[in-house]
């Protein structure tokens, strides 16, 4: 892909406008694909932590668990 340089912002061509229906359809397809690849984890209820460090550690553990679940060979680092 060639690199184009412009001397000012006014020289940059406008992006093509996508109609709202097409944009909405593309966004729905993108979100469906994202949720299929990595479904959201929903913890029901409220979890209380003693300190922010405990909350961050819990978040890291959940992230690693989620990464391992979506890794092709099941072994995310």
C-alpha atoms as a PDB file:
ATOM      1  CA  UNK A   1       0.000   0.000   0.000  1.00  0.00           C
ATOM      2  CA  UNK A   2       1.598   3.267  -1.041  1.00  0.00           C
ATOM      3  CA  UNK A   3       2.177   6.057   1.446  1.00  0.00           C
ATOM      4  CA  UNK A   4       0.692   9.412   0.563  1.00  0.00           C
ATOM      5  CA  UNK A   5       1.944  12.679   2.018  1.00  0.00           C
ATOM      6  CA  UNK A   6      -0.123  15.835   2.211  1.00  0.00           C
ATOM      7  CA  UNK A   7       1.141  19.345   2.806  1.00  0.00           C
ATOM      8  CA  UNK A   8      -1.930  20.316   4.829  1.00  0.00           C
ATOM      9  CA  UNK A   9      -5.042  18.746   6.318  1.00  0.00           C
ATOM     10  CA  UNK A  10      -7.225  20.418   3.718  1.00  0.00           C
ATOM     11  CA  UNK A  11      -5.470  18.389   0.973  1.00  0.00           C
ATOM     12  CA  UNK A  12      -6.598  15.074   2.484  1.00  0.00           C
ATOM     13  CA  UNK A  13      -9.523  13.619   0.513  1.00  0.00           C
ATOM     14  CA  UNK A  14     -12.738  12.941   2.389  1.00  0.00           C
ATOM     15  CA  UNK A  15     -13.528   9.350   3.324  1.00  0.00           C
ATOM     16  CA  UNK A  16     -16.341   7.705   1.378  1.00  0.00           C
ATOM     17  CA  UNK A  17     -19.642   7.927   3.241  1.00  0.00           C
ATOM     18  CA  UNK A  18     -21.266   4.609   4.149  1.00  0.00           C
ATOM     19  CA  UNK A  19     -25.037   4.587   4.486  1.00  0.00           C
ATOM     20  CA  UNK A  20     -26.405   3.887   7.959  1.00  0.00           C
ATOM     21  CA  UNK A  21     -27.888   0.473   7.125  1.00  0.00           C
ATOM     22  CA  UNK A  22     -24.600  -0.827   5.731  1.00  0.00           C
ATOM     23  CA  UNK A  23     -22.660   0.549   8.678  1.00  0.00           C
ATOM     24  CA  UNK A  24     -25.071  -1.028  11.175  1.00  0.00           C
ATOM     25  CA  UNK A  25     -24.890  -4.384   9.361  1.00  0.00           C
ATOM     26  CA  UNK A  26     -21.079  -4.320   9.381  1.00  0.00           C
ATOM     27  CA  UNK A  27     -20.981  -3.403  13.075  1.00  0.00           C
ATOM     28  CA  UNK A  28     -23.364  -6.238  13.987  1.00  0.00           C
ATOM     29  CA  UNK A  29     -21.255  -8.722  12.011  1.00  0.00           C
ATOM     30  CA  UNK A  30     -18.084  -7.478  13.712  1.00  0.00           C
ATOM     31  CA  UNK A  31     -19.590  -7.767  17.195  1.00  0.00           C
ATOM     32  CA  UNK A  32     -20.981 -11.258  16.443  1.00  0.00           C
ATOM     33  CA  UNK A  33     -17.538 -12.398  15.319  1.00  0.00           C
ATOM     34  CA  UNK A  34     -15.855 -10.847  18.375  1.00  0.00           C
ATOM     35  CA  UNK A  35     -18.278 -12.509  20.797  1.00  0.00           C
ATOM     36  CA  UNK A  36     -17.875 -15.844  19.019  1.00  0.00           C
ATOM     37  CA  UNK A  37     -14.086 -15.644  19.306  1.00  0.00           C
ATOM     38  CA  UNK A  38     -14.073 -14.402  22.887  1.00  0.00           C
ATOM     39  CA  UNK A  39     -17.428 -14.599  24.650  1.00  0.00           C
ATOM     40  CA  UNK A  40     -17.891 -12.132  27.492  1.00  0.00           C
ATOM     41  CA  UNK A  41     -17.487 -13.466  30.999  1.00  0.00           C
ATOM     42  CA  UNK A  42     -20.307 -12.442  33.267  1.00  0.00           C
ATOM     43  CA  UNK A  43     -19.874 -12.854  36.976  1.00  0.00           C
ATOM     44  CA  UNK A  44     -23.310 -12.684  38.519  1.00  0.00           C
ATOM     45  CA  UNK A  45     -23.612 -10.787  41.748  1.00  0.00           C
ATOM     46  CA  UNK A  46     -21.134  -8.506  43.433  1.00  0.00           C
ATOM     47  CA  UNK A  47     -17.603  -9.490  44.400  1.00  0.00           C
ATOM     48  CA  UNK A  48     -15.920  -7.593  47.192  1.00  0.00           C
ATOM     49  CA  UNK A  49     -12.146  -7.387  47.508  1.00  0.00           C
ATOM     50  CA  UNK A  50     -10.070  -6.357  50.502  1.00  0.00           C
ATOM     51  CA  UNK A  51      -7.888  -4.055  48.415  1.00  0.00           C
ATOM     52  CA  UNK A  52      -7.288  -2.934  44.838  1.00  0.00           C
ATOM     53  CA  UNK A  53      -4.370  -5.357  44.481  1.00  0.00           C
ATOM     54  CA  UNK A  54      -6.680  -8.329  45.164  1.00  0.00           C
ATOM     55  CA  UNK A  55      -9.130  -7.025  42.553  1.00  0.00           C
ATOM     56  CA  UNK A  56      -6.359  -6.605  39.982  1.00  0.00           C
ATOM     57  CA  UNK A  57      -5.003 -10.083  40.696  1.00  0.00           C
ATOM     58  CA  UNK A  58      -8.474 -11.556  40.218  1.00  0.00           C
ATOM     59  CA  UNK A  59      -8.839  -9.692  36.924  1.00  0.00           C
ATOM     60  CA  UNK A  60      -5.449 -10.992  35.728  1.00  0.00           C
ATOM     61  CA  UNK A  61      -6.408 -14.581  36.610  1.00  0.00           C
ATOM     62  CA  UNK A  62      -9.704 -14.262  34.723  1.00  0.00           C
ATOM     63  CA  UNK A  63      -7.898 -12.771  31.713  1.00  0.00           C
ATOM     64  CA  UNK A  64      -5.387 -15.630  31.611  1.00  0.00           C
ATOM     65  CA  UNK A  65      -8.197 -18.184  31.975  1.00  0.00           C
ATOM     66  CA  UNK A  66     -10.040 -16.562  29.082  1.00  0.00           C
ATOM     67  CA  UNK A  67      -6.898 -16.438  26.934  1.00  0.00           C
ATOM     68  CA  UNK A  68      -6.232 -20.132  27.545  1.00  0.00           C
ATOM     69  CA  UNK A  69      -9.810 -20.976  26.586  1.00  0.00           C
ATOM     70  CA  UNK A  70      -9.473 -19.174  23.233  1.00  0.00           C
ATOM     71  CA  UNK A  71      -5.887 -20.249  22.392  1.00  0.00           C
ATOM     72  CA  UNK A  72      -5.775 -22.820  19.562  1.00  0.00           C
ATOM     73  CA  UNK A  73      -3.677 -25.299  21.550  1.00  0.00           C
ATOM     74  CA  UNK A  74      -5.076 -24.274  24.957  1.00  0.00           C
ATOM     75  CA  UNK A  75      -1.758 -22.984  26.237  1.00  0.00           C
ATOM     76  CA  UNK A  76      -1.708 -19.200  26.369  1.00  0.00           C
ATOM     77  CA  UNK A  77       1.220 -17.641  28.172  1.00  0.00           C
END
